[in-house]
C-alpha atoms as a PDB file:
ATOM      1  CA  MET A   1     113.128  35.925  79.865  1.00  0.00           C
ATOM      2  CA  LYS A   2     113.915  33.744  82.381  1.00  0.00           C
ATOM      3  CA  VAL A   3     111.305  32.045  84.978  1.00  0.00           C
ATOM      4  CA  TYR A   4     111.003  31.456  87.720  1.00  0.00           C
ATOM      5  CA  ASP A   5     108.788  29.076  88.352  1.00  0.00           C
ATOM      6  CA  LEU A   6     107.946  27.585  91.883  1.00  0.00           C
ATOM      7  CA  LYS A   7     104.573  26.474  91.990  1.00  0.00           C
ATOM      8  CA  GLY A   8     104.321  23.265  94.346  1.00  0.00           C
ATOM      9  CA  ALA A   9     107.825  24.933  95.553  1.00  0.00           C
ATOM     10  CA  SER A  10     109.385  22.781  98.775  1.00  0.00           C
ATOM     11  CA  LEU A  11     110.704  25.055 102.176  1.00  0.00           C
ATOM     12  CA  THR A  12     114.044  23.208 100.443  1.00  0.00           C
ATOM     13  CA  ASP A  13     113.103  24.638  96.559  1.00  0.00           C
ATOM     14  CA  PHE A  14     112.129  28.102  98.472  1.00  0.00           C
ATOM     15  CA  THR A  15     114.281  28.954 100.438  1.00  0.00           C
ATOM     16  CA  ALA A  16     116.736  28.598  97.510  1.00  0.00           C
ATOM     17  CA  PHE A  17     115.850  30.715  95.228  1.00  0.00           C
ATOM     18  CA  LEU A  18     115.633  33.457  98.081  1.00  0.00           C
ATOM     19  CA  PHE A  19     119.661  32.074  99.261  1.00  0.00           C
ATOM     20  CA  ASP A  20     121.576  30.012  97.442  1.00  0.00           C
ATOM     21  CA  ARG A  21     123.320  32.386  94.594  1.00  0.00           C
ATOM     22  CA  PRO A  22     125.800  34.269  94.729  1.00  0.00           C
ATOM     23  CA  ALA A  23     125.532  38.210  95.699  1.00  0.00           C
ATOM     24  CA  PRO A  24     128.159  41.268  96.281  1.00  0.00           C
ATOM     25  CA  PRO A  25     130.131  42.325  99.384  1.00  0.00           C
ATOM     26  CA  LEU A  26     127.316  44.143 101.777  1.00  0.00           C
ATOM     27  CA  GLU A  27     126.752  47.663 101.285  1.00  0.00           C
ATOM     28  CA  PRO A  28     123.481  50.780 101.473  1.00  0.00           C
ATOM     29  CA  ALA A  29     120.738  48.792 100.796  1.00  0.00           C
ATOM     30  CA  VAL A  30     119.770  47.951  97.197  1.00  0.00           C
ATOM     31  CA  ARG A  31     115.877  47.246  97.666  1.00  0.00           C
ATOM     32  CA  THR A  32     115.421  45.340  94.148  1.00  0.00           C
ATOM     33  CA  PRO A  33     115.570  41.910  93.964  1.00  0.00           C
ATOM     34  CA  ARG A  34     118.978  42.831  91.392  1.00  0.00           C
ATOM     35  CA  TRP A  35     118.834  38.336  90.758  1.00  0.00           C
ATOM     36  CA  LEU A  36     116.605  38.352  88.913  1.00  0.00           C
ATOM     37  CA  GLY A  37     117.656  40.376  86.827  1.00  0.00           C
ATOM     38  CA  GLU A  38     115.411  43.680  84.445  1.00  0.00           C
ATOM     39  CA  ASP A  39     113.425  40.210  82.051  1.00  0.00           C
ATOM     40  CA  GLY A  40     113.083  38.320  84.812  1.00  0.00           C
ATOM     41  CA  ALA A  41     109.388  35.960  86.168  1.00  0.00           C
ATOM     42  CA  ILE A  42     107.574  34.867  88.719  1.00  0.00           C
ATOM     43  CA  GLN A  43     105.041  31.860  89.146  1.00  0.00           C
ATOM     44  CA  PHE A  44     103.668  31.371  92.261  1.00  0.00           C
ATOM     45  CA  ASP A  45     100.955  29.744  94.823  1.00  0.00           C
ATOM     46  CA  PRO A  46     100.078  33.198  97.116  1.00  0.00           C
ATOM     47  CA  GLU A  47      98.944  30.495  99.221  1.00  0.00           C
ATOM     48  CA  LEU A  48     101.239  28.082  98.794  1.00  0.00           C
ATOM     49  CA  ASN A  49     103.815  30.921  99.170  1.00  0.00           C
ATOM     50  CA  ALA A  50     102.390  32.425 102.622  1.00  0.00           C
ATOM     51  CA  LYS A  51     102.183  29.420 103.682  1.00  0.00           C
ATOM     52  CA  LEU A  52     106.384  29.014 102.939  1.00  0.00           C
ATOM     53  CA  PHE A  53     107.015  32.220 104.685  1.00  0.00           C
ATOM     54  CA  ILE A  54     105.434  30.965 107.715  1.00  0.00           C
ATOM     55  CA  GLU A  55     107.389  27.319 107.782  1.00  0.00           C
ATOM     56  CA  LEU A  56     110.500  29.670 106.938  1.00  0.00           C
ATOM     57  CA  PHE A  57     110.570  31.985 109.555  1.00  0.00           C
ATOM     58  CA  SER A  58     109.751  29.586 111.885  1.00  0.00           C
ATOM     59  CA  ASN A  59     112.901  27.953 111.023  1.00  0.00           C
ATOM     60  CA  SER A  60     114.713  31.138 110.190  1.00  0.00           C
ATOM     61  CA  GLY A  61     117.423  30.508 113.081  1.00  0.00           C
ATOM     62  CA  SER A  62     119.452  27.452 110.839  1.00  0.00           C
ATOM     63  CA  LEU A  63     119.132  30.033 108.237  1.00  0.00           C
ATOM     64  CA  ARG A  64     123.588  31.078 109.008  1.00  0.00           C
ATOM     65  CA  GLU A  65     124.539  27.310 108.707  1.00  0.00           C
ATOM     66  CA  TYR A  66     124.389  27.520 105.023  1.00  0.00           C
ATOM     67  CA  PHE A  67     124.467  30.094 103.260  1.00  0.00           C
ATOM     68  CA  THR A  68     126.368  33.916 103.634  1.00  0.00           C
ATOM     69  CA  ALA A  69     125.964  36.443 105.351  1.00  0.00           C
ATOM     70  CA  GLU A  70     125.700  38.306 102.136  1.00  0.00           C
ATOM     71  CA  GLN A  71     123.147  35.626 100.843  1.00  0.00           C
ATOM     72  CA  LEU A  72     120.980  36.443 103.358  1.00  0.00           C
ATOM     73  CA  GLU A  73     120.810  40.146 103.359  1.00  0.00           C
ATOM     74  CA  GLN A  74     120.119  39.990  99.223  1.00  0.00           C
ATOM     75  CA  GLY A  75     117.472  37.613  99.990  1.00  0.00           C
ATOM     76  CA  PHE A  76     115.472  38.987 103.074  1.00  0.00           C
ATOM     77  CA  LEU A  77     115.720  42.763 101.014  1.00  0.00           C
ATOM     78  CA  ALA A  78     113.813  41.140  98.274  1.00  0.00           C
ATOM     79  CA  ILE A  79     111.699  40.196  99.624  1.00  0.00           C
ATOM     80  CA  GLN A  80     110.539  43.220 101.208  1.00  0.00           C
ATOM     81  CA  CYS A  81     110.691  44.592  98.386  1.00  0.00           C
ATOM     82  CA  ALA A  82     107.522  45.882  96.676  1.00  0.00           C
ATOM     83  CA  VAL A  83     108.237  45.283  93.156  1.00  0.00           C
ATOM     84  CA  PHE A  84     108.917  41.654  93.340  1.00  0.00           C
ATOM     85  CA  PRO A  85     105.701  39.708  92.799  1.00  0.00           C
ATOM     86  CA  ALA A  86     105.583  37.278  95.545  1.00  0.00           C
ATOM     87  CA  SER A  87     106.745  39.597  98.936  1.00  0.00           C
ATOM     88  CA  LEU A  88     105.506  39.706 101.699  1.00  0.00           C
ATOM     89  CA  PRO A  89     104.291  42.993 101.149  1.00  0.00           C
ATOM     90  CA  GLU A  90     102.524  41.803  98.329  1.00  0.00           C
ATOM     91  CA  LEU A  91     100.951  38.861  99.955  1.00  0.00           C
ATOM     92  CA  ILE A  92      99.799  41.093 102.570  1.00  0.00           C
ATOM     93  CA  TRP A  93      97.911  43.101 101.676  1.00  0.00           C
ATOM     94  CA  SER A  94      96.961  40.258  99.065  1.00  0.00           C
ATOM     95  CA  SER A  95      93.400  38.468  97.891  1.00  0.00           C
ATOM     96  CA  ASP A  96      93.997  35.856  97.517  1.00  0.00           C
ATOM     97  CA  ILE A  97      94.616  34.770 100.577  1.00  0.00           C
ATOM     98  CA  SER A  98      92.464  34.528 103.989  1.00  0.00           C
ATOM     99  CA  ILE A  99      92.764  37.163 106.502  1.00  0.00           C
ATOM    100  CA  SER A 100      93.736  34.102 109.358  1.00  0.00           C
ATOM    101  CA  LEU A 101      96.983  33.163 106.721  1.00  0.00           C
ATOM    102  CA  LYS A 102      97.356  36.198 106.631  1.00  0.00           C
ATOM    103  CA  SER A 103      97.572  37.021 110.095  1.00  0.00           C
ATOM    104  CA  ASP A 104      99.551  33.907 110.856  1.00  0.00           C
ATOM    105  CA  LEU A 105     101.806  34.635 108.521  1.00  0.00           C
ATOM    106  CA  ILE A 106     102.403  38.121 110.139  1.00  0.00           C
ATOM    107  CA  TYR A 107     102.911  36.946 113.557  1.00  0.00           C
ATOM    108  CA  SER A 108     105.321  34.266 112.423  1.00  0.00           C
ATOM    109  CA  MET A 109     107.666  37.579 111.248  1.00  0.00           C
ATOM    110  CA  TYR A 110     108.464  37.693 115.250  1.00  0.00           C
ATOM    111  CA  LYS A 111     109.708  34.277 114.975  1.00  0.00           C
ATOM    112  CA  LEU A 112     112.359  35.520 112.549  1.00  0.00           C
ATOM    113  CA  PHE A 113     112.770  37.964 114.481  1.00  0.00           C
ATOM    114  CA  LYS A 114     113.210  36.120 117.701  1.00  0.00           C
ATOM    115  CA  ASP A 115     115.988  33.290 116.383  1.00  0.00           C
ATOM    116  CA  PHE A 116     117.443  35.293 113.392  1.00  0.00           C
ATOM    117  CA  PHE A 117     117.792  38.623 113.073  1.00  0.00           C
ATOM    118  CA  SER A 118     117.836  38.648 117.770  1.00  0.00           C
ATOM    119  CA  TYR A 119     122.023  38.000 116.662  1.00  0.00           C
ATOM    120  CA  ASP A 120     124.180  41.096 117.210  1.00  0.00           C
ATOM    121  CA  ASP A 121     126.815  39.923 114.729  1.00  0.00           C
ATOM    122  CA  LEU A 122     123.125  39.799 112.043  1.00  0.00           C
ATOM    123  CA  VAL A 123     122.559  43.992 112.271  1.00  0.00           C
ATOM    124  CA  THR A 124     121.786  44.679 108.315  1.00  0.00           C
ATOM    125  CA  THR A 125     120.215  47.164 106.544  1.00  0.00           C
ATOM    126  CA  SER A 126     117.422  43.822 106.186  1.00  0.00           C
ATOM    127  CA  CYS A 127     116.875  44.038 110.041  1.00  0.00           C
ATOM    128  CA  THR A 128     116.916  47.846 110.229  1.00  0.00           C
ATOM    129  CA  MET A 129     114.524  48.650 107.651  1.00  0.00           C
ATOM    130  CA  PHE A 130     112.472  45.582 107.167  1.00  0.00           C
ATOM    131  CA  PHE A 131     109.014  46.790 108.539  1.00  0.00           C
ATOM    132  CA  SER A 132     109.369  50.322 108.304  1.00  0.00           C
ATOM    133  CA  ASN A 133     109.339  50.737 103.421  1.00  0.00           C
ATOM    134  CA  TRP A 134     105.709  48.137 103.023  1.00  0.00           C
ATOM    135  CA  VAL A 135     103.887  47.639 106.170  1.00  0.00           C
ATOM    136  CA  THR A 136     101.790  51.380 104.953  1.00  0.00           C
ATOM    137  CA  ILE A 137     102.358  50.806 101.133  1.00  0.00           C
ATOM    138  CA  HIS A 138      98.820  50.452 100.466  1.00  0.00           C
ATOM    139  CA  GLY A 139      97.622  51.565 104.118  1.00  0.00           C
ATOM    140  CA  CYS A 140      93.987  51.087 104.626  1.00  0.00           C
ATOM    141  CA  LYS A 141      91.683  53.138 101.458  1.00  0.00           C
ATOM    142  CA  SER A 142      89.708  55.778 103.061  1.00  0.00           C
ATOM    143  CA  VAL A 143      91.258  56.686 107.237  1.00  0.00           C
ATOM    144  CA  SER A 144      88.179  56.868 108.480  1.00  0.00           C
ATOM    145  CA  SER A 145      86.424  53.142 107.330  1.00  0.00           C
ATOM    146  CA  PRO A 146      88.752  51.270 106.597  1.00  0.00           C
ATOM    147  CA  SER A 147      87.638  47.649 105.611  1.00  0.00           C
ATOM    148  CA  LEU A 148      87.332  44.737 108.017  1.00  0.00           C
ATOM    149  CA  GLU A 149      90.702  43.034 106.272  1.00  0.00           C
ATOM    150  CA  GLU A 150      92.744  46.148 106.549  1.00  0.00           C
ATOM    151  CA  ALA A 151      91.013  46.377 110.093  1.00  0.00           C
ATOM    152  CA  ILE A 152      92.515  43.265 111.284  1.00  0.00           C
ATOM    153  CA  ILE A 153      95.957  43.557 109.107  1.00  0.00           C
ATOM    154  CA  HIS A 154      96.993  46.729 110.687  1.00  0.00           C
ATOM    155  CA  ASN A 155      96.120  45.699 114.877  1.00  0.00           C
ATOM    156  CA  GLN A 156      97.687  41.643 113.824  1.00  0.00           C
ATOM    157  CA  LEU A 157     101.036  43.846 112.657  1.00  0.00           C
ATOM    158  CA  PHE A 158     100.839  46.208 116.099  1.00  0.00           C
ATOM    159  CA  SER A 159      99.813  42.240 118.454  1.00  0.00           C
ATOM    160  CA  THR A 160     103.690  41.639 116.079  1.00  0.00           C
ATOM    161  CA  LEU A 161     104.951  44.552 116.337  1.00  0.00           C
ATOM    162  CA  SER A 162     104.465  44.321 120.573  1.00  0.00           C
ATOM    163  CA  LEU A 163     106.372  41.870 120.385  1.00  0.00           C
ATOM    164  CA  ILE A 164     110.229  41.797 118.430  1.00  0.00           C
ATOM    165  CA  LEU A 165     109.611  45.505 120.716  1.00  0.00           C
ATOM    166  CA  SER A 166     110.252  43.797 123.964  1.00  0.00           C
ATOM    167  CA  LEU A 167     113.420  41.112 122.003  1.00  0.00           C
ATOM    168  CA  GLU A 168     116.596  42.293 123.599  1.00  0.00           C
ATOM    169  CA  SER A 169     117.852  42.842 120.763  1.00  0.00           C
ATOM    170  CA  GLU A 170     118.657  47.289 120.409  1.00  0.00           C
ATOM    171  CA  ALA A 171     118.405  45.748 116.404  1.00  0.00           C
ATOM    172  CA  CYS A 172     114.716  44.603 116.983  1.00  0.00           C
ATOM    173  CA  GLN A 173     114.038  47.304 118.823  1.00  0.00           C
ATOM    174  CA  GLY A 174     114.821  49.595 116.788  1.00  0.00           C
ATOM    175  CA  ALA A 175     112.746  47.733 113.921  1.00  0.00           C
ATOM    176  CA  ALA A 176     109.839  47.701 115.640  1.00  0.00           C
ATOM    177  CA  LEU A 177     109.952  51.311 116.355  1.00  0.00           C
ATOM    178  CA  LEU A 178     110.906  51.659 112.561  1.00  0.00           C
ATOM    179  CA  GLY A 179     107.616  50.102 112.123  1.00  0.00           C
ATOM    180  CA  LEU A 180     105.529  51.008 114.721  1.00  0.00           C
ATOM    181  CA  CYS A 181     106.364  54.785 113.106  1.00  0.00           C
ATOM    182  CA  GLU A 182     105.073  53.688 109.794  1.00  0.00           C
ATOM    183  CA  LEU A 183     101.182  51.923 111.085  1.00  0.00           C
ATOM    184  CA  ARG A 184     100.215  54.480 113.475  1.00  0.00           C
ATOM    185  CA  HIS A 185      98.486  52.421 115.258  1.00  0.00           C
ATOM    186  CA  PRO A 186      95.887  54.128 118.068  1.00  0.00           C
ATOM    187  CA  LEU A 187      97.365  52.620 120.914  1.00  0.00           C
ATOM    188  CA  THR A 188     101.400  52.775 119.388  1.00  0.00           C
ATOM    189  CA  SER A 189     102.229  56.190 122.133  1.00  0.00           C
ATOM    190  CA  GLU A 190     100.447  53.871 124.599  1.00  0.00           C
ATOM    191  CA  LEU A 191     102.785  51.613 124.288  1.00  0.00           C
ATOM    192  CA  ILE A 192     106.266  53.702 123.918  1.00  0.00           C
ATOM    193  CA  ASN A 193     105.253  55.243 127.521  1.00  0.00           C
ATOM    194  CA  LEU A 194     105.199  51.665 128.436  1.00  0.00           C
ATOM    195  CA  TYR A 195     108.605  50.715 125.998  1.00  0.00           C
ATOM    196  CA  LEU A 196     110.446  53.927 127.966  1.00  0.00           C
ATOM    197  CA  ARG A 197     109.638  52.916 131.713  1.00  0.00           C
ATOM    198  CA  ALA A 198     110.501  50.002 130.880  1.00  0.00           C
ATOM    199  CA  HIS A 199     113.823  51.219 129.816  1.00  0.00           C
ATOM    200  CA  PRO A 200     114.179  54.351 132.557  1.00  0.00           C
ATOM    201  CA  GLU A 201     118.978  53.421 131.648  1.00  0.00           C
ATOM    202  CA  PHE A 202     118.141  55.517 128.170  1.00  0.00           C
ATOM    203  CA  SER A 203     120.044  58.687 128.925  1.00  0.00           C
ATOM    204  CA  GLU A 204     117.449  61.775 127.774  1.00  0.00           C
ATOM    205  CA  ASP A 205     119.263  62.252 124.373  1.00  0.00           C
ATOM    206  CA  GLU A 206     118.091  58.483 124.117  1.00  0.00           C
ATOM    207  CA  VAL A 207     114.407  58.980 125.162  1.00  0.00           C
ATOM    208  CA  GLU A 208     113.831  61.685 122.701  1.00  0.00           C
ATOM    209  CA  GLU A 209     115.694  60.445 119.595  1.00  0.00           C
ATOM    210  CA  VAL A 210     112.503  57.416 120.129  1.00  0.00           C
ATOM    211  CA  GLU A 211     109.730  60.281 121.526  1.00  0.00           C
ATOM    212  CA  CYS A 212     110.908  61.502 118.209  1.00  0.00           C
ATOM    213  CA  ILE A 213     109.415  59.049 116.188  1.00  0.00           C
ATOM    214  CA  PHE A 214     106.400  59.209 116.641  1.00  0.00           C
ATOM    215  CA  GLU A 215     105.508  62.968 115.497  1.00  0.00           C
ATOM    216  CA  PRO A 216     101.925  64.168 115.740  1.00  0.00           C
ATOM    217  CA  GLY A 217      99.291  63.190 112.855  1.00  0.00           C
ATOM    218  CA  PRO A 218      96.316  61.329 111.476  1.00  0.00           C
ATOM    219  CA  ARG A 219      95.890  58.388 112.525  1.00  0.00           C
ATOM    220  CA  PRO A 220      93.443  54.906 110.939  1.00  0.00           C
ATOM    221  CA  TYR A 221      90.399  54.214 112.679  1.00  0.00           C
ATOM    222  CA  TYR A 222      91.203  50.670 113.895  1.00  0.00           C
ATOM    223  CA  GLY A 223      88.294  49.293 115.671  1.00  0.00           C
ATOM    224  CA  ILE A 224      86.373  45.575 115.334  1.00  0.00           C
END
């Protein structure tokens, strides 16, 4: 069995692990890190991995200079995958990482969207679906009374998604809308109303499309 040891990894090591490997042509999403294979295993330190993700996202603008679009798509799909042990979902909901580091990690995702995904030629599945399939994988264990940490995480996610929604890139706005739909934060309706008022150029069909994403449903309580 092949073992990938990320303990003590540098940013260069971590970036190479994610992206510097053969990748198939861009195609409909395959949400498993196929390059790990069924026999692969990852050894890593959760706190170090979170810090490496923060550094990677904060310096993501240069990734296009070193890796192909296919390699980047493969890597960014992998880090969203819940079955990938070192993935974002696993780190965000890990009990081995402080809440302050989790908050920094979530905020760094805004930098990733601003500096990397906001370019029109990089509109891919990994951008569009970045939040939608993992943001509520664990969610609040209790709809009526989440823990303090759960509430902080959800509020930080809402704040970060709000920032991404303010970017000019339509792809980034779409990713934020899908993430907000899954998060179902109680302030979402107010945010969407502000978003629509900020875009008077939207046609009736486009407004209806945005509104239809947010169907009525139970909302967890995030007051802290």
